[in-house]
């Protein structure tokens, strides 16, 4: 009797592109079987404006996935990002009453208490990441089980999101006849795909530059120290060109992709012919002007990122470097600008750890979708655990 394949799928429903990655679990490994990307509909300023249009985009991505698995797919892990997602530190305290051995149930209870924070209206805890345990006033413990204590505390980093926005994306996916296994912060998913856990210990950051928002996460040791969202995104670069060169948004995007670079000094005196209406004379502009416009926005973006690093005391602690993912990361020269401003090694975030990953998808834009599929695979590895424990594993996977 043939064994039914176990599929793991990640859905990156971005405001510009909807990407779906489908993998299969084989012998404790994850193997690529299919992917698709379609133009997104129904988004405005990083938020869902038309849930039905988002559903149609998800359905189109599922239909276009060149894989027999697409027809058998029943559930996905979906990414969440945009301006409604934020990170904050939290703390949970559990008084054990008298000195006793810390059990798994105690660990679960203190984690649950850390998650019960007082949130503003329309906010929910999307994910929770333990930083360290404090055992009878002594911090820095990774696993307190079997230790003797009368008081157990935990420091955590909470990722929160808008309940309305979360319900909208889950509803859109459900309407496409797919169940949502878990909703995951997009920058975390990109980190999951691009950076191996053992490589996070020297301090790393992932900056996921999307069309309408930029998300970032910072890890030091085994703990997440920052999850943050910024409004400077790939579309800002395009709008700057459109305004500076008097172009439509579509023409500015073409100029950015074909001639753009974040380093103005690399252009020389090369002239670029600008798209013009038929009734007008052709226009030209020096490529250095194009790049100066893009470079100014790149500097603003990474000054914001540097400020976020400084906010958690990690400005000069990222020995492992910074990884740039997302479609907006592909602008030439962006890594150089990041290194100059952040003063640490910068590289593209590319997918690692998926067998048979196609060369044509070895692209920062696919990193989030790949990470979501890998997250789905990790969840399925824990299906034998109790339901309650599996819920917390889903929220705490590294």
Protein backbone atom coordinates (compact mmCIF):
# COMPACT_ATOMS: atom_id res chain seq x y z
CA UNK A 1 0.00 0.00 0.00
CA UNK A 2 1.46 3.35 -1.10
CA UNK A 3 2.21 5.85 1.66
CA UNK A 4 0.24 9.04 1.31
CA UNK A 5 2.67 11.95 0.75
CA UNK A 6 2.88 14.67 3.38
CA UNK A 7 2.85 18.10 1.76
CA UNK A 8 4.21 21.28 3.31
CA UNK A 9 3.22 24.54 1.63
CA UNK A 10 3.92 28.21 2.23
CA UNK A 11 1.79 31.06 0.92
CA UNK A 12 3.33 34.55 0.69
CA UNK A 13 0.33 36.72 -0.16
CA UNK A 14 2.15 39.97 -0.82
CA UNK A 15 0.69 43.22 -2.01
CA UNK A 16 2.46 42.90 -5.40
CA UNK A 17 2.93 39.16 -5.93
CA UNK A 18 1.26 36.09 -4.43
CA UNK A 19 3.78 33.26 -4.21
CA UNK A 20 3.10 29.63 -3.34
CA UNK A 21 5.77 27.01 -2.61
CA UNK A 22 4.83 23.34 -2.26
CA UNK A 23 7.20 20.74 -0.80
CA UNK A 24 6.90 17.15 0.36
CA UNK A 25 8.38 15.53 3.47
CA UNK A 26 10.54 12.50 2.70
CA UNK A 27 12.73 10.71 5.26
CA UNK A 28 12.87 13.74 7.56
CA UNK A 29 13.88 15.97 4.68
CA UNK A 30 11.92 18.51 2.71
CA UNK A 31 11.91 18.32 -1.10
CA UNK A 32 10.60 20.92 -3.54
CA UNK A 33 7.77 19.81 -5.82
CA UNK A 34 6.16 22.98 -7.19
CA UNK A 35 5.74 26.75 -7.03
CA UNK A 36 3.82 29.58 -8.63
CA UNK A 37 3.68 33.36 -8.60
CA UNK A 38 0.78 35.52 -9.74
CA UNK A 39 0.03 39.21 -9.60
CA UNK A 40 -1.72 40.16 -6.36
CA UNK A 41 -5.07 41.94 -6.28
CA UNK A 42 -7.06 43.47 -3.44
CA UNK A 43 -4.25 45.19 -1.48
CA UNK A 44 -3.77 48.88 -0.61
CA UNK A 45 -0.89 50.30 1.45
CA UNK A 46 0.07 46.89 2.78
CA UNK A 47 -3.44 46.00 3.99
CA UNK A 48 -6.29 43.97 2.51
CA UNK A 49 -8.82 46.24 0.81
CA UNK A 50 -10.79 43.56 -1.08
CA UNK A 51 -10.84 40.11 0.53
CA UNK A 52 -12.53 38.48 -2.47
CA UNK A 53 -9.79 39.75 -4.80
CA UNK A 54 -7.13 38.31 -2.47
CA UNK A 55 -8.96 34.97 -2.57
CA UNK A 56 -8.90 35.06 -6.37
CA UNK A 57 -5.13 35.66 -6.30
CA UNK A 58 -4.62 32.71 -3.94
CA UNK A 59 -6.81 30.51 -6.17
CA UNK A 60 -4.82 31.57 -9.24
CA UNK A 61 -1.52 30.75 -7.49
CA UNK A 62 -2.86 27.34 -6.52
CA UNK A 63 -4.06 26.70 -10.08
CA UNK A 64 -0.76 27.80 -11.63
CA UNK A 65 1.42 25.67 -9.35
CA UNK A 66 3.03 23.26 -11.81
CA UNK A 67 2.64 20.23 -9.58
CA UNK A 68 0.27 17.35 -9.02
CA UNK A 69 0.51 18.27 -5.32
CA UNK A 70 -1.51 21.44 -5.91
CA UNK A 71 -4.69 19.43 -6.38
CA UNK A 72 -4.07 17.45 -3.19
CA UNK A 73 -3.08 20.45 -1.09
CA UNK A 74 -5.39 21.03 1.86
CA UNK A 75 -3.53 23.50 4.07
CA UNK A 76 -0.76 26.12 4.05
CA UNK A 77 1.26 28.28 6.39
CA UNK A 78 0.55 31.88 5.48
CA UNK A 79 2.75 34.94 6.00
CA UNK A 80 1.70 38.14 7.76
CA UNK A 81 3.43 41.48 7.46
CA UNK A 82 2.67 45.10 6.81
CA UNK A 83 2.15 48.07 9.09
CA UNK A 84 -0.16 46.26 11.52
CA UNK A 85 2.53 43.82 12.76
CA UNK A 86 4.72 44.94 15.69
CA UNK A 87 7.11 43.43 18.21
CA UNK A 88 7.46 44.06 21.96
CA UNK A 89 9.19 42.47 24.94
CA UNK A 90 7.12 40.68 27.59
CA UNK A 91 7.56 38.81 30.84
CA UNK A 92 5.78 35.98 32.63
CA UNK A 93 6.08 35.04 36.32
CA UNK A 94 5.03 31.78 38.00
CA UNK A 95 5.26 31.31 41.78
CA UNK A 96 5.72 27.61 42.52
CA UNK A 97 5.00 28.03 46.24
CA UNK A 98 8.01 26.09 47.56
CA UNK A 99 11.30 24.81 46.19
CA UNK A 100 10.56 22.00 43.77
CA UNK A 101 11.74 20.55 40.47
CA UNK A 102 10.61 22.57 37.44
CA UNK A 103 8.42 20.43 35.17
CA UNK A 104 7.30 20.80 31.55
CA UNK A 105 3.85 21.87 32.79
CA UNK A 106 5.47 24.73 34.72
CA UNK A 107 7.29 25.87 31.60
CA UNK A 108 4.03 25.82 29.66
CA UNK A 109 2.20 27.76 32.39
CA UNK A 110 4.81 30.53 32.60
CA UNK A 111 4.80 30.86 28.79
CA UNK A 112 1.01 31.17 28.83
CA UNK A 113 1.26 33.90 31.46
CA UNK A 114 3.77 35.80 29.33
CA UNK A 115 1.29 35.66 26.44
CA UNK A 116 -1.54 37.15 28.51
CA UNK A 117 -0.44 40.73 28.02
CA UNK A 118 -2.86 43.64 28.04
CA UNK A 119 -3.21 44.54 24.37
CA UNK A 120 -4.96 47.44 22.72
CA UNK A 121 -8.25 46.84 20.94
CA UNK A 122 -7.90 44.88 17.68
CA UNK A 123 -4.52 43.39 18.72
CA UNK A 124 -3.58 39.73 19.08
CA UNK A 125 -0.41 37.76 19.83
CA UNK A 126 0.77 36.35 16.52
CA UNK A 127 3.89 34.60 17.83
CA UNK A 128 5.90 34.34 21.04
CA UNK A 129 9.67 33.85 21.25
CA UNK A 130 11.38 32.94 24.55
CA UNK A 131 14.59 34.85 25.23
CA UNK A 132 15.62 33.35 28.58
CA UNK A 133 14.27 31.91 31.83
CA UNK A 134 14.91 33.43 35.25
CA UNK A 135 15.15 30.80 37.99
CA UNK A 136 14.82 32.24 41.52
CA UNK A 137 16.20 35.57 40.33
CA UNK A 138 19.05 34.10 38.27
CA UNK A 139 18.64 34.96 34.54
CA UNK A 140 20.15 33.43 31.42
CA UNK A 141 18.75 29.88 31.49
CA UNK A 142 17.68 28.29 28.20
CA UNK A 143 15.93 25.22 29.66
CA UNK A 144 14.90 25.30 33.34
CA UNK A 145 13.39 21.81 33.46
CA UNK A 146 14.73 19.57 36.25
CA UNK A 147 16.12 22.60 38.09
CA UNK A 148 15.05 23.34 41.68
CA UNK A 149 13.18 26.62 42.12
CA UNK A 150 10.38 28.37 43.96
CA UNK A 151 9.83 31.04 41.31
CA UNK A 152 10.09 30.74 37.52
CA UNK A 153 10.10 33.73 35.18
CA UNK A 154 10.49 34.07 31.43
CA UNK A 155 11.51 36.95 29.18
CA UNK A 156 9.89 36.81 25.75
CA UNK A 157 9.56 38.79 22.55
CA UNK A 158 5.97 39.03 21.35
CA UNK A 159 4.93 39.64 17.76
CA UNK A 160 1.45 41.17 17.69
CA UNK A 161 -0.89 41.84 14.77
CA UNK A 162 -4.26 43.36 13.95
CA UNK A 163 -7.08 40.90 14.61
CA UNK A 164 -9.06 42.33 11.70
CA UNK A 165 -6.14 42.01 9.29
CA UNK A 166 -5.37 38.51 10.53
CA UNK A 167 -8.98 37.42 10.09
CA UNK A 168 -9.04 38.94 6.61
CA UNK A 169 -6.02 36.99 5.33
CA UNK A 170 -7.19 33.76 6.99
CA UNK A 171 -10.68 34.26 5.55
CA UNK A 172 -9.27 34.89 2.07
CA UNK A 173 -7.22 31.68 2.21
CA UNK A 174 -10.14 29.66 3.62
CA UNK A 175 -12.36 30.93 0.78
CA UNK A 176 -9.81 29.42 -1.63
CA UNK A 177 -10.56 26.03 0.04
CA UNK A 178 -7.31 25.91 2.01
CA UNK A 179 -6.92 25.63 5.78
CA UNK A 180 -4.39 27.87 7.54
CA UNK A 181 -2.03 25.82 9.70
CA UNK A 182 -0.31 28.85 11.19
CA UNK A 183 0.20 32.53 10.42
CA UNK A 184 3.85 33.61 10.61
CA UNK A 185 5.60 36.97 10.58
CA UNK A 186 7.07 37.27 7.08
CA UNK A 187 10.55 38.41 8.12
CA UNK A 188 10.76 35.43 10.47
CA UNK A 189 9.84 33.12 7.58
CA UNK A 190 12.58 34.69 5.44
CA UNK A 191 15.02 34.16 8.32
CA UNK A 192 13.86 30.56 8.64
CA UNK A 193 14.77 29.91 4.99
CA UNK A 194 17.97 31.95 4.67
CA UNK A 195 19.76 31.50 8.00
CA UNK A 196 20.48 28.19 9.71
CA UNK A 197 19.78 28.21 13.49
CA UNK A 198 23.44 27.66 14.34
CA UNK A 199 24.40 30.72 12.27
CA UNK A 200 22.12 33.04 14.28
CA UNK A 201 24.19 32.79 17.45
CA UNK A 202 26.75 35.44 16.50
CA UNK A 203 23.98 37.96 15.88
CA UNK A 204 22.12 38.32 12.58
CA UNK A 205 19.35 40.41 11.10
CA UNK A 206 17.01 39.77 8.18
CA UNK A 207 15.53 42.78 6.38
CA UNK A 208 12.62 41.75 4.16
CA UNK A 209 11.94 44.57 1.68
CA UNK A 210 8.50 44.18 0.17
CA UNK A 211 6.51 46.35 -2.21
CA UNK A 212 4.60 48.27 0.47
CA UNK A 213 6.39 47.53 3.75
CA UNK A 214 9.72 46.39 5.15
CA UNK A 215 9.94 43.90 8.00
CA UNK A 216 13.00 42.98 10.01
CA UNK A 217 14.02 40.53 12.72
CA UNK A 218 17.17 40.42 14.85
CA UNK A 219 18.56 37.30 16.50
CA UNK A 220 21.41 37.07 18.99
CA UNK A 221 22.32 33.73 20.43
CA UNK A 222 19.21 31.58 20.25
CA UNK A 223 16.85 34.43 21.11
CA UNK A 224 14.91 36.92 19.00
CA UNK A 225 15.61 40.46 20.18
CA UNK A 226 13.58 42.46 17.68
CA UNK A 227 10.65 42.12 15.29
CA UNK A 228 9.80 45.38 13.58
CA UNK A 229 8.03 46.88 10.58
CA UNK A 230 8.91 50.01 8.63
CA UNK A 231 6.94 51.91 6.03
CA UNK A 232 9.86 52.53 3.63
CA UNK A 233 9.50 49.87 0.91
CA UNK A 234 10.23 49.01 -2.69
CA UNK A 235 7.41 51.20 -3.98
CA UNK A 236 8.96 54.26 -2.33
CA UNK A 237 11.99 53.90 -4.62
CA UNK A 238 9.70 53.77 -7.64
CA UNK A 239 7.57 56.74 -6.53
CA UNK A 240 10.71 58.83 -5.98
CA UNK A 241 11.75 58.19 -9.59
CA UNK A 242 8.23 58.88 -10.86
CA UNK A 243 8.14 62.26 -9.10
CA UNK A 244 11.74 63.22 -9.77
CA UNK A 245 11.68 62.35 -13.48
CA UNK A 246 7.99 63.13 -14.22
CA UNK A 247 7.11 59.56 -15.16
CA UNK A 248 4.18 57.26 -14.57
CA UNK A 249 4.61 54.68 -11.81
CA UNK A 250 4.85 51.86 -14.38
CA UNK A 251 7.52 53.66 -16.43
CA UNK A 252 9.47 54.52 -13.28
CA UNK A 253 9.43 50.86 -12.28
CA UNK A 254 10.89 49.92 -15.68
CA UNK A 255 13.65 52.52 -15.35
CA UNK A 256 14.43 51.33 -11.82
CA UNK A 257 14.69 47.69 -12.85
CA UNK A 258 16.68 48.28 -16.05
CA UNK A 259 19.03 51.14 -15.11
CA UNK A 260 18.70 51.71 -11.36
CA UNK A 261 21.40 51.35 -8.75
CA UNK A 262 21.56 52.53 -5.15
CA UNK A 263 25.15 53.76 -5.70
CA UNK A 264 25.17 57.05 -7.57
CA UNK A 265 28.96 57.09 -7.99
CA UNK A 266 28.92 53.96 -10.16
CA UNK A 267 26.96 55.52 -13.06
CA UNK A 268 29.40 57.92 -14.70
CA UNK A 269 27.93 60.16 -17.44
CA UNK A 270 25.79 57.51 -19.12
CA UNK A 271 22.51 58.84 -20.53
CA UNK A 272 19.20 57.03 -20.06
CA UNK A 273 16.33 57.55 -22.49
CA UNK A 274 13.09 58.09 -20.63
CA UNK A 275 9.70 56.79 -21.81
CA UNK A 276 7.70 59.69 -23.31
CA UNK A 277 4.28 60.06 -24.93
CA UNK A 278 4.26 59.80 -28.72
CA UNK A 279 3.48 63.49 -29.22
CA UNK A 280 6.56 64.64 -27.27
CA UNK A 281 10.24 64.77 -28.08
CA UNK A 282 12.37 61.99 -26.54
CA UNK A 283 13.89 62.87 -23.16
CA UNK A 284 17.17 61.76 -21.65
CA UNK A 285 18.61 61.96 -18.16
CA UNK A 286 22.00 61.10 -16.74
CA UNK A 287 22.03 57.72 -15.10
CA UNK A 288 23.78 59.27 -12.11
CA UNK A 289 20.62 61.31 -11.42
CA UNK A 290 18.51 58.14 -11.45
CA UNK A 291 20.90 56.51 -9.04
CA UNK A 292 21.13 59.57 -6.78
CA UNK A 293 17.36 59.48 -6.33
CA UNK A 294 17.44 55.77 -5.50
CA UNK A 295 20.51 56.14 -3.29
CA UNK A 296 18.87 58.81 -1.13
CA UNK A 297 15.92 56.52 -0.40
CA UNK A 298 18.25 53.54 0.27
CA UNK A 299 20.16 55.61 2.84
CA UNK A 300 16.90 56.57 4.53
CA UNK A 301 15.82 52.93 4.68
CA UNK A 302 19.02 51.70 6.29
CA UNK A 303 19.22 54.63 8.69
CA UNK A 304 15.81 53.47 9.92
CA UNK A 305 17.14 49.90 10.22
CA UNK A 306 20.21 51.15 12.13
CA UNK A 307 17.91 53.04 14.49
CA UNK A 308 15.94 49.86 15.15
CA UNK A 309 19.18 47.98 15.90
CA UNK A 310 20.25 50.72 18.31
CA UNK A 311 16.86 50.59 20.06
CA UNK A 312 17.64 47.07 21.29
CA UNK A 313 21.37 47.60 21.79
CA UNK A 314 22.41 45.59 18.73
CA UNK A 315 23.89 48.35 16.55
CA UNK A 316 27.40 46.85 16.49
CA UNK A 317 26.73 43.30 17.63
CA UNK A 318 25.68 41.54 14.41
CA UNK A 319 28.81 39.54 13.67
CA UNK A 320 26.80 37.15 11.50
CA UNK A 321 25.71 40.03 9.26
CA UNK A 322 22.52 41.28 7.65
CA UNK A 323 20.49 39.34 5.07
CA UNK A 324 18.33 41.22 2.55
CA UNK A 325 15.26 39.41 1.25
CA UNK A 326 12.09 40.34 -0.62
CA UNK A 327 11.54 41.65 -4.13
CA UNK A 328 12.80 45.11 -3.18
CA UNK A 329 16.20 43.72 -2.17
CA UNK A 330 17.22 43.06 -5.77
CA UNK A 331 18.08 46.71 -6.53
CA UNK A 332 21.79 46.74 -7.48
CA UNK A 333 24.03 48.43 -4.95
CA UNK A 334 21.62 47.97 -2.03
CA UNK A 335 23.96 45.61 -0.18
CA UNK A 336 26.79 48.14 -0.50
CA UNK A 337 24.66 50.94 0.94
CA UNK A 338 23.57 48.67 3.79
CA UNK A 339 27.16 47.75 4.64
CA UNK A 340 28.21 51.39 4.60
CA UNK A 341 25.45 52.52 6.96
CA UNK A 342 25.04 49.44 9.18
CA UNK A 343 28.78 48.73 9.41
CA UNK A 344 28.39 44.97 9.10
CA UNK A 345 28.53 42.35 6.37
CA UNK A 346 25.43 42.31 4.16
CA UNK A 347 24.30 39.69 1.65
CA UNK A 348 21.17 38.47 -0.09
CA UNK A 349 18.88 36.11 1.79
CA UNK A 350 18.63 32.97 -0.34
CA UNK A 351 16.83 29.72 0.40
CA UNK A 352 18.82 26.94 2.07
CA UNK A 353 17.76 23.50 3.20
CA UNK A 354 15.18 22.50 0.56
CA UNK A 355 16.19 19.59 -1.63
CA UNK A 356 15.82 20.12 -5.42
CA UNK A 357 15.27 23.87 -4.98
CA UNK A 358 15.28 25.28 -8.57
CA UNK A 359 18.04 27.65 -9.62
CA UNK A 360 15.50 30.04 -11.13
CA UNK A 361 13.93 30.47 -7.67
CA UNK A 362 17.28 31.19 -6.00
CA UNK A 363 16.11 34.74 -5.54
CA UNK A 364 15.52 36.96 -2.46
CA UNK A 365 11.89 37.43 -3.56
CA UNK A 366 11.17 33.70 -2.95
CA UNK A 367 12.80 33.50 0.46
CA UNK A 368 9.65 34.22 2.48
CA UNK A 369 7.46 31.67 0.66
CA UNK A 370 10.20 29.04 1.02
CA UNK A 371 10.51 29.77 4.73
CA UNK A 372 6.77 29.41 5.19
CA UNK A 373 6.89 25.98 3.53
CA UNK A 374 9.78 24.97 5.79
CA UNK A 375 7.78 26.17 8.79
CA UNK A 376 4.86 24.02 7.64
CA UNK A 377 7.20 21.03 7.44
CA UNK A 378 8.42 21.64 10.99
CA UNK A 379 4.85 21.82 12.27
CA UNK A 380 4.01 18.52 10.63
CA UNK A 381 7.01 16.90 12.30
CA UNK A 382 5.29 17.60 15.62
CA UNK A 383 1.86 16.24 14.72
CA UNK A 384 2.34 13.40 17.22
CA UNK A 385 2.43 15.82 20.16
CA UNK A 386 -0.61 16.76 22.18
CA UNK A 387 -2.75 19.47 20.64
CA UNK A 388 -2.02 21.99 23.36
CA UNK A 389 1.71 21.48 23.11
CA UNK A 390 1.60 21.63 19.33
CA UNK A 391 -0.10 25.02 19.53
CA UNK A 392 2.77 26.46 21.53
CA UNK A 393 5.34 24.74 19.34
CA UNK A 394 3.74 26.48 16.37
CA UNK A 395 4.10 29.85 18.08
CA UNK A 396 7.65 29.24 19.34
CA UNK A 397 9.44 27.40 16.52
CA UNK A 398 12.86 28.83 15.81
